[in-house]
Amino acid sequence: MSSLRYPTNNMNLDQLKTRLAAINQLPVLRFIDQLDIPGRNRLIGQLSALNLDALPDLVSNYVTGRYTPPIPAEIKPITPLPRQPQSAEHKALYIKALARGHELLRQGKVGAFLVAGGQGTRLGYDGPKGEYPVTPIRNKPLFQVFAQQLLAHCREHGKTIPWYIMTSDINDAPTRAFFARHNHFGYDPSAIYFFQQGMMPAFAMDGQLLLAAKDSLALSPDGHGGSLRAIQRSGALDDMKQRGVEHISYFQVDNPIVYCIDPLYLGLHDLSGSEMSSKTIAKSSPLERVGNFCLADGKLQVIEYSDLPNELAYQTNPDGSLKFNAGSIAIHAMRVSFIERINSGGELQLPWHCAQKKVSCIDRAGNLVKPDKPNAIKLEQFVFDAIPLAANPLVYTTERSEDFSPVKNAEGADSPATSRRDQIRRHAAWLEACGVKIPRDAQGEVLATIEISPLYAATLDQFKMRKPALAEIKPGDVLYLE
């Protein structure tokens, strides 16, 4: 299905009627004669941008057919690369990889890729999620946290890191305005490349295209997997090649403690010849809502938490640890040549995933319907489905406390409160690693509020190089380092 962000030339109405009639989608034009010229052009443009020839197969496979991915016949756990080297061989590799990662950054061969198409709705925020304030003292928004991380790496390596930011139809203009209003947080605007995620139409349960209004399809983003299509169609891929970028560091907007750039990980990715690498963490429980890295019929892939059979999810090793314990956290490194290759056939070859959703739409009489139960099928592609297409895919273990504390929910797990707590914990640990005494309660919780700006240090290694002139933090202290 083609992205609606980069439309083809519009068909005339007669051509469109003929094409839609041939695929049993003519009812989508039932209000066309009631529309003014701008409304008519809007709907015709949206429909012309679709790959209409692909619609029948999508409908039969994923909508009326309700396709579900087959469970592989053989599912085995993986053994990812450890966080710290466990053998002399690994130690030598990690030393070489760290040096290689820094070399890639000094040579300008690494770009940062932020997926930021989401809204802050679930957090009670009316705007792009990247605008949401997340840090414990200065309340910096997510976009500023990432910008300052990247600036710290630019400073360390003497090279500006090209920053590719994927927005969505709903938040593209607000995101660009937010960056402009804040002077791009000190980042070189010429090094930031904004582009929009593709859109997919929603389908009624009978396979008909739904209308959000008489002049517009009901559209939704095509999933984070669609980012690999959008990179190519937006011109971002050509920009990467022109700048000499060979690898991109992929991360998502809701994780404020992610290492946007991780030299060791990037070096391991490059030296191994991996086309697509991923970070993993140990799962917090058998059914944690993260994907599972597995060997499925001999190939590395991610199986969704909802698709991994419970009898496998609960399996344990002799020491009591989970067998299937490699959680997927949406942090990847990819070769630019890999993204170009999987787009080379004219269409991104990733499977579609379908979900039943409540979608507001126009009924056949032209009335707006706000359903109280699922009435539609939405289709998405997932970025981790590209892993089986990659040569030498690598999985590297990271620490949850260092790299993963997403802001997804207004309260409870993965909320602003838990993320701020985890930011304080991480920064306290960094201080302790440098010999600073940290006050803690009986449960080990930090009894101070600490925030370390990425401009001071974006990683533990950078922090150790700064050698902070502190001996002790007292209970109740509020410490901000920049």
Protein backbone atom coordinates (compact mmCIF):
# COMPACT_ATOMS: atom_id res chain seq x y z
CA MET A 1 0.00 0.00 0.00
CA SER A 2 1.47 3.32 -1.03
CA SER A 3 2.00 6.07 1.51
CA LEU A 4 -0.49 8.91 1.41
CA ARG A 5 2.23 11.35 2.35
CA TYR A 6 3.74 11.24 -1.14
CA PRO A 7 0.77 11.12 -3.53
CA THR A 8 0.85 10.29 -7.20
CA ASN A 9 -0.86 12.47 -9.80
CA ASN A 10 -4.59 12.54 -9.21
CA MET A 11 -6.83 10.54 -11.48
CA ASN A 12 -9.86 12.25 -12.95
CA LEU A 13 -13.19 11.30 -11.45
CA ASP A 14 -14.24 8.99 -14.28
CA GLN A 15 -10.96 7.08 -14.09
CA LEU A 16 -11.30 6.79 -10.33
CA LYS A 17 -14.88 5.51 -10.54
CA THR A 18 -13.79 2.84 -13.00
CA ARG A 19 -10.89 1.71 -10.81
CA LEU A 20 -12.97 1.66 -7.63
CA ALA A 21 -15.84 -0.21 -9.25
CA ALA A 22 -13.42 -2.90 -10.40
CA ILE A 23 -12.34 -3.56 -6.81
CA ASN A 24 -15.78 -3.18 -5.18
CA GLN A 25 -14.94 0.12 -3.45
CA LEU A 26 -17.21 2.50 -5.36
CA PRO A 27 -19.37 3.32 -2.27
CA VAL A 28 -16.51 5.48 -0.96
CA LEU A 29 -17.57 8.07 -3.57
CA ARG A 30 -21.23 8.13 -2.54
CA PHE A 31 -21.05 11.79 -1.44
CA ILE A 32 -18.81 13.07 -4.22
CA ASP A 33 -21.59 15.04 -5.92
CA GLN A 34 -22.31 16.92 -2.68
CA LEU A 35 -18.76 18.22 -2.29
CA ASP A 36 -17.32 21.57 -3.23
CA ILE A 37 -14.24 21.65 -5.42
CA PRO A 38 -11.66 21.63 -2.55
CA GLY A 39 -13.48 18.76 -0.83
CA ARG A 40 -13.75 16.79 -4.06
CA ASN A 41 -10.05 17.30 -4.79
CA ARG A 42 -9.13 16.23 -1.26
CA LEU A 43 -10.95 12.91 -1.52
CA ILE A 44 -9.80 12.24 -5.07
CA GLY A 45 -6.22 13.00 -4.00
CA GLN A 46 -6.38 10.60 -1.06
CA LEU A 47 -7.80 7.81 -3.18
CA SER A 48 -5.36 8.44 -6.04
CA ALA A 49 -2.48 8.05 -3.60
CA LEU A 50 -3.52 4.52 -2.67
CA ASN A 51 -2.21 1.47 -4.45
CA LEU A 52 -5.71 0.48 -5.51
CA ASP A 53 -4.50 -2.70 -7.17
CA ALA A 54 -3.30 -3.98 -3.79
CA LEU A 55 -6.58 -3.28 -1.97
CA PRO A 56 -8.41 -6.52 -2.81
CA ASP A 57 -5.62 -8.70 -1.45
CA LEU A 58 -5.30 -6.56 1.67
CA VAL A 59 -9.03 -6.81 2.29
CA SER A 60 -9.25 -10.55 1.70
CA ASN A 61 -6.10 -11.34 3.70
CA TYR A 62 -6.29 -8.93 6.61
CA VAL A 63 -9.83 -7.54 6.89
CA THR A 64 -12.53 -10.03 5.94
CA GLY A 65 -10.01 -12.87 6.26
CA ARG A 66 -8.69 -11.60 9.64
CA TYR A 67 -5.20 -12.88 8.97
CA THR A 68 -3.11 -13.83 11.97
CA PRO A 69 0.61 -14.57 11.66
CA PRO A 70 1.33 -18.29 11.86
CA ILE A 71 3.10 -19.46 14.99
CA PRO A 72 6.45 -20.97 13.93
CA ALA A 73 6.81 -24.73 14.30
CA GLU A 74 10.02 -24.35 16.30
CA ILE A 75 10.61 -21.47 18.72
CA LYS A 76 13.87 -21.29 20.64
CA PRO A 77 15.34 -18.67 22.98
CA ILE A 78 18.34 -16.66 21.83
CA THR A 79 21.65 -15.87 23.49
CA PRO A 80 22.24 -12.15 22.96
CA LEU A 81 25.59 -10.46 23.31
CA PRO A 82 26.05 -9.58 27.00
CA ARG A 83 26.13 -6.03 28.34
CA GLN A 84 29.67 -6.57 29.61
CA PRO A 85 32.16 -8.99 28.03
CA GLN A 86 32.21 -12.38 29.73
CA SER A 87 35.33 -13.85 28.13
CA ALA A 88 38.73 -12.77 26.86
CA GLU A 89 37.44 -13.09 23.31
CA HIS A 90 34.46 -10.88 24.06
CA LYS A 91 36.63 -8.38 25.89
CA ALA A 92 38.90 -7.96 22.88
CA LEU A 93 35.86 -7.58 20.62
CA TYR A 94 34.26 -4.95 22.86
CA ILE A 95 37.45 -2.89 23.05
CA LYS A 96 37.68 -2.94 19.27
CA ALA A 97 33.95 -2.21 18.88
CA LEU A 98 34.04 0.79 21.21
CA ALA A 99 36.92 2.28 19.24
CA ARG A 100 35.07 1.56 15.98
CA GLY A 101 31.89 3.23 17.24
CA HIS A 102 33.77 6.41 18.13
CA GLU A 103 35.53 6.30 14.76
CA LEU A 104 32.19 6.08 12.91
CA LEU A 105 30.93 9.11 14.82
CA ARG A 106 34.09 11.13 14.14
CA GLN A 107 33.76 10.29 10.45
CA GLY A 108 30.13 11.43 10.30
CA LYS A 109 28.87 8.00 9.31
CA VAL A 110 26.09 7.79 11.91
CA GLY A 111 22.68 9.45 11.79
CA ALA A 112 20.04 9.56 14.53
CA PHE A 113 16.50 8.50 13.65
CA LEU A 114 13.68 9.50 15.99
CA VAL A 115 10.19 8.09 15.48
CA ALA A 116 7.95 10.86 16.83
CA GLY A 117 4.56 10.54 15.16
CA GLY A 118 2.57 10.05 18.36
CA GLN A 119 0.36 12.41 20.29
CA GLY A 120 0.36 12.88 24.07
CA THR A 121 -3.31 11.96 24.37
CA ARG A 122 -2.82 9.07 26.81
CA LEU A 123 -0.78 11.40 29.01
CA GLY A 124 -3.50 14.03 29.04
CA TYR A 125 -1.43 16.29 26.80
CA ASP A 126 -2.95 17.89 23.69
CA GLY A 127 -0.04 17.94 21.30
CA PRO A 128 2.92 15.91 20.00
CA LYS A 129 4.23 13.49 22.60
CA GLY A 130 7.74 14.85 22.09
CA GLU A 131 6.62 18.15 23.66
CA TYR A 132 5.72 16.43 26.93
CA PRO A 133 7.89 17.52 29.94
CA VAL A 134 9.67 14.55 31.49
CA THR A 135 12.76 15.48 33.51
CA PRO A 136 12.60 15.61 37.33
CA ILE A 137 13.84 19.17 37.97
CA ARG A 138 13.83 21.28 34.81
CA ASN A 139 10.80 19.55 33.23
CA LYS A 140 12.52 19.40 29.87
CA PRO A 141 10.39 18.04 27.03
CA LEU A 142 11.39 14.81 25.34
CA PHE A 143 12.56 16.63 22.21
CA GLN A 144 14.98 18.74 24.28
CA VAL A 145 16.37 15.69 26.09
CA PHE A 146 17.19 14.02 22.76
CA ALA A 147 18.58 17.21 21.20
CA GLN A 148 20.92 17.73 24.15
CA GLN A 149 22.06 14.11 24.06
CA LEU A 150 22.96 14.44 20.40
CA LEU A 151 24.69 17.77 21.03
CA ALA A 152 26.85 16.08 23.67
CA HIS A 153 27.93 13.46 21.14
CA CYS A 154 28.55 16.10 18.48
CA ARG A 155 30.78 17.93 20.96
CA GLU A 156 32.67 14.77 21.91
CA HIS A 157 33.29 13.66 18.35
CA GLY A 158 33.71 17.00 16.62
CA LYS A 159 31.06 16.17 14.03
CA THR A 160 27.40 17.13 13.68
CA ILE A 161 25.13 14.10 13.71
CA PRO A 162 22.35 14.32 11.10
CA TRP A 163 19.01 13.97 12.89
CA TYR A 164 16.05 12.45 11.07
CA ILE A 165 12.69 12.98 12.76
CA MET A 166 9.59 11.17 11.55
CA THR A 167 6.36 12.96 12.37
CA SER A 168 2.78 12.14 11.40
CA ASP A 169 0.05 13.94 9.49
CA ILE A 170 -1.52 15.18 12.73
CA ASN A 171 1.64 16.45 14.46
CA ASP A 172 4.05 17.45 11.69
CA ALA A 173 3.27 21.18 11.68
CA PRO A 174 3.10 21.48 15.50
CA THR A 175 6.40 19.61 15.86
CA ARG A 176 8.22 21.85 13.37
CA ALA A 177 6.75 24.93 15.08
CA PHE A 178 7.82 23.65 18.52
CA PHE A 179 11.41 23.20 17.34
CA ALA A 180 11.44 26.63 15.70
CA ARG A 181 9.96 28.27 18.80
CA HIS A 182 12.77 26.78 20.91
CA ASN A 183 15.54 27.58 18.42
CA HIS A 184 15.84 23.86 17.70
CA PHE A 185 17.25 23.44 21.22
CA GLY A 186 20.62 24.62 19.99
CA TYR A 187 20.83 22.03 17.21
CA ASP A 188 21.88 23.06 13.71
CA PRO A 189 18.57 23.29 11.79
CA SER A 190 20.30 22.26 8.57
CA ALA A 191 21.18 18.94 10.23
CA ILE A 192 17.54 18.16 11.12
CA TYR A 193 15.41 16.42 8.50
CA PHE A 194 11.69 16.25 9.27
CA PHE A 195 9.48 13.92 7.27
CA GLN A 196 6.04 12.42 7.68
CA GLN A 197 4.96 8.87 8.33
CA GLY A 198 2.71 7.22 5.76
CA MET A 199 -0.99 6.78 6.30
CA MET A 200 -3.33 3.84 5.80
CA PRO A 201 -7.10 3.81 5.36
CA ALA A 202 -9.34 2.13 7.90
CA PHE A 203 -11.73 -0.54 6.69
CA ALA A 204 -15.21 -1.49 7.82
CA MET A 205 -15.57 -5.10 8.92
CA ASP A 206 -16.98 -5.94 5.46
CA GLY A 207 -13.87 -4.56 3.78
CA GLN A 208 -15.25 -1.21 2.58
CA LEU A 209 -13.13 1.92 2.94
CA LEU A 210 -14.38 4.16 5.74
CA LEU A 211 -14.92 7.90 5.47
CA ALA A 212 -14.04 10.21 8.36
CA ALA A 213 -16.02 12.94 6.62
CA LYS A 214 -17.78 13.21 3.31
CA ASP A 215 -14.57 14.56 1.78
CA SER A 216 -11.96 12.47 3.59
CA LEU A 217 -10.98 8.87 4.20
CA ALA A 218 -10.59 7.62 7.75
CA LEU A 219 -6.80 7.48 7.92
CA SER A 220 -4.27 6.41 10.53
CA PRO A 221 -0.46 6.05 10.58
CA ASP A 222 0.90 2.92 8.93
CA GLY A 223 2.93 1.76 11.96
CA HIS A 224 6.56 2.21 12.96
CA GLY A 225 7.50 -0.33 10.29
CA GLY A 226 6.25 2.20 7.77
CA SER A 227 9.13 4.41 8.85
CA LEU A 228 11.40 2.34 6.60
CA ARG A 229 9.15 3.15 3.65
CA ALA A 230 8.85 6.82 4.60
CA ILE A 231 12.65 7.20 4.80
CA GLN A 232 12.90 6.22 1.17
CA ARG A 233 9.89 8.12 -0.18
CA SER A 234 10.55 11.33 1.73
CA GLY A 235 14.03 11.82 0.34
CA ALA A 236 15.62 11.15 3.76
CA LEU A 237 17.44 8.13 2.35
CA ASP A 238 18.98 10.22 -0.42
CA ASP A 239 19.95 12.83 2.17
CA MET A 240 21.70 10.17 4.25
CA LYS A 241 23.67 8.96 1.25
CA GLN A 242 24.65 12.52 0.26
CA ARG A 243 25.92 13.20 3.78
CA GLY A 244 27.89 9.94 3.88
CA VAL A 245 25.73 8.39 6.62
CA GLU A 246 26.14 4.61 6.65
CA HIS A 247 24.26 3.68 9.83
CA ILE A 248 21.25 5.07 11.65
CA SER A 249 20.49 4.80 15.35
CA TYR A 250 16.72 4.21 15.67
CA PHE A 251 14.77 5.14 18.81
CA GLN A 252 11.22 6.12 19.71
CA VAL A 253 9.98 9.33 21.27
CA ASP A 254 8.51 7.94 24.48
CA ASN A 255 11.79 6.77 26.09
CA PRO A 256 13.65 9.67 27.74
CA ILE A 257 16.58 7.61 29.04
CA VAL A 258 17.40 5.88 25.75
CA TYR A 259 21.00 6.18 24.63
CA CYS A 260 20.30 8.01 21.35
CA ILE A 261 23.86 7.21 20.41
CA ASP A 262 25.75 4.26 21.90
CA PRO A 263 29.30 3.95 20.50
CA LEU A 264 29.92 0.40 21.77
CA TYR A 265 26.64 -0.88 20.36
CA LEU A 266 27.19 0.87 17.03
CA GLY A 267 30.70 -0.57 16.84
CA LEU A 268 29.45 -4.11 17.51
CA HIS A 269 26.79 -3.60 14.85
CA ASP A 270 29.33 -2.45 12.28
CA LEU A 271 32.09 -4.97 13.01
CA SER A 272 29.68 -7.91 12.91
CA GLY A 273 28.47 -6.97 9.45
CA SER A 274 24.94 -6.71 10.81
CA GLU A 275 22.39 -5.01 8.59
CA MET A 276 20.00 -4.53 11.51
CA SER A 277 20.87 -4.77 15.19
CA SER A 278 18.67 -4.53 18.26
CA LYS A 279 18.96 -3.94 21.98
CA THR A 280 17.30 -6.24 24.48
CA ILE A 281 16.59 -6.20 28.21
CA ALA A 282 15.73 -8.96 30.64
CA LYS A 283 11.95 -9.09 31.00
CA SER A 284 10.39 -8.05 34.31
CA SER A 285 7.90 -10.93 34.18
CA PRO A 286 6.94 -13.77 31.81
CA LEU A 287 4.07 -11.77 30.31
CA GLU A 288 5.62 -8.30 30.23
CA ARG A 289 4.12 -6.38 27.33
CA VAL A 290 7.24 -6.36 25.18
CA GLY A 291 8.12 -8.46 22.16
CA ASN A 292 10.33 -11.52 22.54
CA PHE A 293 13.51 -12.07 20.53
CA CYS A 294 13.43 -15.72 19.44
CA LEU A 295 14.84 -18.12 16.93
CA ALA A 296 11.72 -19.01 14.98
CA ASP A 297 12.23 -21.87 12.55
CA GLY A 298 15.92 -21.00 12.63
CA LYS A 299 15.55 -17.26 11.97
CA LEU A 300 15.93 -14.41 14.43
CA GLN A 301 12.67 -12.53 14.84
CA VAL A 302 10.46 -10.81 17.40
CA ILE A 303 7.30 -12.55 18.53
CA GLU A 304 4.74 -10.26 20.13
CA TYR A 305 3.98 -10.84 23.82
CA SER A 306 0.40 -11.68 22.84
CA ASP A 307 1.55 -14.31 20.31
CA LEU A 308 4.16 -16.18 22.37
CA PRO A 309 2.45 -19.28 23.83
CA ASN A 310 2.18 -19.08 27.62
CA GLU A 311 3.84 -22.45 28.06
CA LEU A 312 6.96 -20.94 26.47
CA ALA A 313 6.69 -17.59 28.22
CA TYR A 314 6.75 -19.31 31.63
CA GLN A 315 9.58 -21.76 30.87
CA THR A 316 12.60 -21.36 33.14
CA ASN A 317 16.24 -22.38 33.18
CA PRO A 318 17.71 -24.51 36.00
CA ASP A 319 18.63 -21.32 37.89
CA GLY A 320 15.02 -20.11 37.78
CA SER A 321 15.54 -17.41 35.15
CA LEU A 322 13.19 -17.17 32.21
CA LYS A 323 14.22 -19.05 29.07
CA PHE A 324 12.52 -16.52 26.83
CA ASN A 325 13.97 -13.49 28.52
CA ALA A 326 15.10 -11.25 25.66
CA GLY A 327 12.60 -8.39 25.59
CA SER A 328 12.40 -6.11 22.56
CA ILE A 329 12.46 -2.38 23.41
CA ALA A 330 12.39 -0.69 19.98
CA ILE A 331 16.04 0.38 19.90
CA HIS A 332 17.79 -0.56 16.67
CA ALA A 333 20.77 0.21 14.48
CA MET A 334 20.41 -0.18 10.72
CA ARG A 335 22.64 0.15 7.71
CA VAL A 336 21.43 2.71 5.21
CA SER A 337 22.18 0.18 2.47
CA PHE A 338 19.77 -2.27 4.16
CA ILE A 339 16.92 0.24 4.14
CA GLU A 340 17.64 0.93 0.48
CA ARG A 341 17.68 -2.79 -0.32
CA ILE A 342 14.36 -3.68 1.30
CA ASN A 343 12.71 -0.78 -0.55
CA SER A 344 14.30 -1.59 -3.90
CA GLY A 345 11.40 -3.66 -5.27
CA GLY A 346 9.08 -0.68 -5.22
CA GLU A 347 7.22 -1.77 -2.10
CA LEU A 348 8.43 -2.45 1.44
CA GLN A 349 8.19 -6.18 1.98
CA LEU A 350 6.95 -6.33 5.57
CA PRO A 351 3.83 -8.14 6.75
CA TRP A 352 0.76 -6.20 7.83
CA HIS A 353 -0.75 -6.52 11.29
CA CYS A 354 -4.46 -5.93 11.77
CA ALA A 355 -6.28 -4.63 14.83
CA GLN A 356 -9.96 -4.10 15.54
CA LYS A 357 -10.50 -0.48 16.60
CA LYS A 358 -13.23 2.04 17.30
CA VAL A 359 -13.11 4.53 14.41
CA SER A 360 -15.39 7.53 14.09
CA CYS A 361 -16.81 7.58 10.56
CA ILE A 362 -19.63 8.69 8.29
CA ASP A 363 -22.43 6.16 7.77
CA ARG A 364 -24.24 5.61 4.49
CA ALA A 365 -26.69 8.41 5.29
CA GLY A 366 -23.88 10.88 5.91
CA ASN A 367 -24.21 10.95 9.69
CA LEU A 368 -21.16 10.93 11.97
CA VAL A 369 -20.95 7.71 13.99
CA LYS A 370 -18.86 7.47 17.17
CA PRO A 371 -18.91 3.74 17.94
CA ASP A 372 -18.85 2.29 21.45
CA LYS A 373 -17.26 -0.96 20.26
CA PRO A 374 -14.75 -1.84 17.52
CA ASN A 375 -16.20 -1.20 14.09
CA ALA A 376 -13.10 -1.12 11.92
CA ILE A 377 -9.84 -2.79 10.98
CA LYS A 378 -6.61 -0.78 11.02
CA LEU A 379 -3.46 -2.09 9.36
CA GLU A 380 0.09 -1.41 10.55
CA GLN A 381 3.61 -2.63 9.86
CA PHE A 382 6.16 -3.16 12.63
CA VAL A 383 9.82 -2.25 12.32
CA PHE A 384 11.02 -5.43 14.03
CA ASP A 385 9.58 -7.48 11.17
CA ALA A 386 12.54 -6.27 9.12
CA ILE A 387 14.95 -8.28 11.29
CA PRO A 388 14.44 -11.61 9.42
CA LEU A 389 15.29 -9.78 6.19
CA ALA A 390 18.65 -8.60 7.52
CA ALA A 391 22.03 -10.26 7.12
CA ASN A 392 23.82 -11.10 10.38
CA PRO A 393 21.23 -9.53 12.71
CA LEU A 394 22.72 -8.85 16.12
CA VAL A 395 21.05 -8.57 19.53
CA TYR A 396 22.91 -6.80 22.33
CA THR A 397 21.92 -6.73 25.99
CA THR A 398 21.42 -3.38 27.67
CA GLU A 399 20.33 -2.50 31.19
CA ARG A 400 16.75 -1.41 31.79
CA SER A 401 18.02 1.10 34.34
CA GLU A 402 20.33 2.70 31.77
CA ASP A 403 18.33 2.59 28.56
CA PHE A 404 14.59 1.98 29.01
CA SER A 405 11.95 3.83 30.98
CA PRO A 406 9.18 4.81 28.57
CA VAL A 407 6.42 7.32 29.19
CA LYS A 408 3.28 5.66 27.89
CA ASN A 409 0.55 5.94 30.54
CA ALA A 410 -0.72 8.83 32.64
CA GLU A 411 -0.40 6.78 35.84
CA GLY A 412 0.99 3.47 37.04
CA ALA A 413 3.65 1.56 35.10
CA ASP A 414 5.53 3.37 32.34
CA SER A 415 4.20 6.74 33.47
CA PRO A 416 5.81 10.16 33.95
CA ALA A 417 6.20 9.37 37.66
CA THR A 418 8.04 6.09 37.10
CA SER A 419 10.23 7.63 34.41
CA ARG A 420 11.26 10.55 36.63
CA ARG A 421 12.03 8.06 39.40
CA ASP A 422 14.17 6.03 36.98
CA GLN A 423 15.99 9.13 35.75
CA ILE A 424 16.88 10.00 39.36
CA ARG A 425 18.00 6.42 40.01
CA ARG A 426 20.22 6.40 36.93
CA HIS A 427 21.86 9.72 37.74
CA ALA A 428 22.39 8.67 41.34
CA ALA A 429 24.11 5.51 40.10
CA TRP A 430 26.34 7.60 37.84
CA LEU A 431 27.38 9.72 40.81
CA GLU A 432 28.06 6.63 42.92
CA ALA A 433 30.20 5.23 40.10
CA CYS A 434 32.34 8.34 40.54
CA GLY A 435 32.60 7.91 44.32
CA VAL A 436 29.85 10.33 45.37
CA LYS A 437 27.88 9.26 48.45
CA ILE A 438 24.12 9.11 47.77
CA PRO A 439 21.45 9.09 50.55
CA ARG A 440 19.04 6.15 50.31
CA ASP A 441 16.17 4.80 52.41
CA ALA A 442 15.83 1.24 53.73
CA GLN A 443 14.49 0.08 50.37
CA GLY A 444 17.41 1.66 48.51
CA GLU A 445 15.37 4.53 47.06
CA VAL A 446 17.26 7.80 46.48
CA LEU A 447 16.44 10.48 49.07
CA ALA A 448 17.33 13.41 46.82
CA THR A 449 16.19 14.83 43.49
CA ILE A 450 18.93 14.62 40.87
CA GLU A 451 19.00 15.61 37.23
CA ILE A 452 22.08 15.50 35.03
CA SER A 453 21.66 17.40 31.78
CA PRO A 454 22.79 15.51 28.69
CA LEU A 455 24.85 18.63 27.96
CA TYR A 456 26.89 17.72 31.03
CA ALA A 457 27.04 14.03 30.09
CA ALA A 458 24.85 11.87 27.86
CA THR A 459 26.34 8.53 28.92
CA LEU A 460 28.03 7.05 31.95
CA ASP A 461 31.37 7.06 30.09
CA GLN A 462 31.03 10.78 29.39
CA PHE A 463 30.08 11.40 33.02
CA LYS A 464 33.15 9.58 34.30
CA MET A 465 35.33 11.78 32.11
CA ARG A 466 33.83 14.91 33.71
CA LYS A 467 34.93 13.80 37.20
CA PRO A 468 32.32 15.81 39.16
CA ALA A 469 33.76 17.65 42.14
CA LEU A 470 31.26 16.29 44.64
CA ALA A 471 31.75 14.10 47.69
CA GLU A 472 28.26 13.64 49.06
CA ILE A 473 24.59 14.39 48.36
CA LYS A 474 22.46 15.00 51.45
CA PRO A 475 18.84 13.86 52.03
CA GLY A 476 16.41 16.31 50.47
CA ASP A 477 19.01 17.92 48.19
CA VAL A 478 17.99 19.07 44.74
CA LEU A 479 20.95 18.72 42.38
CA TYR A 480 21.03 19.79 38.75
CA LEU A 481 24.22 19.46 36.72
CA GLU A 482 24.69 21.10 33.32
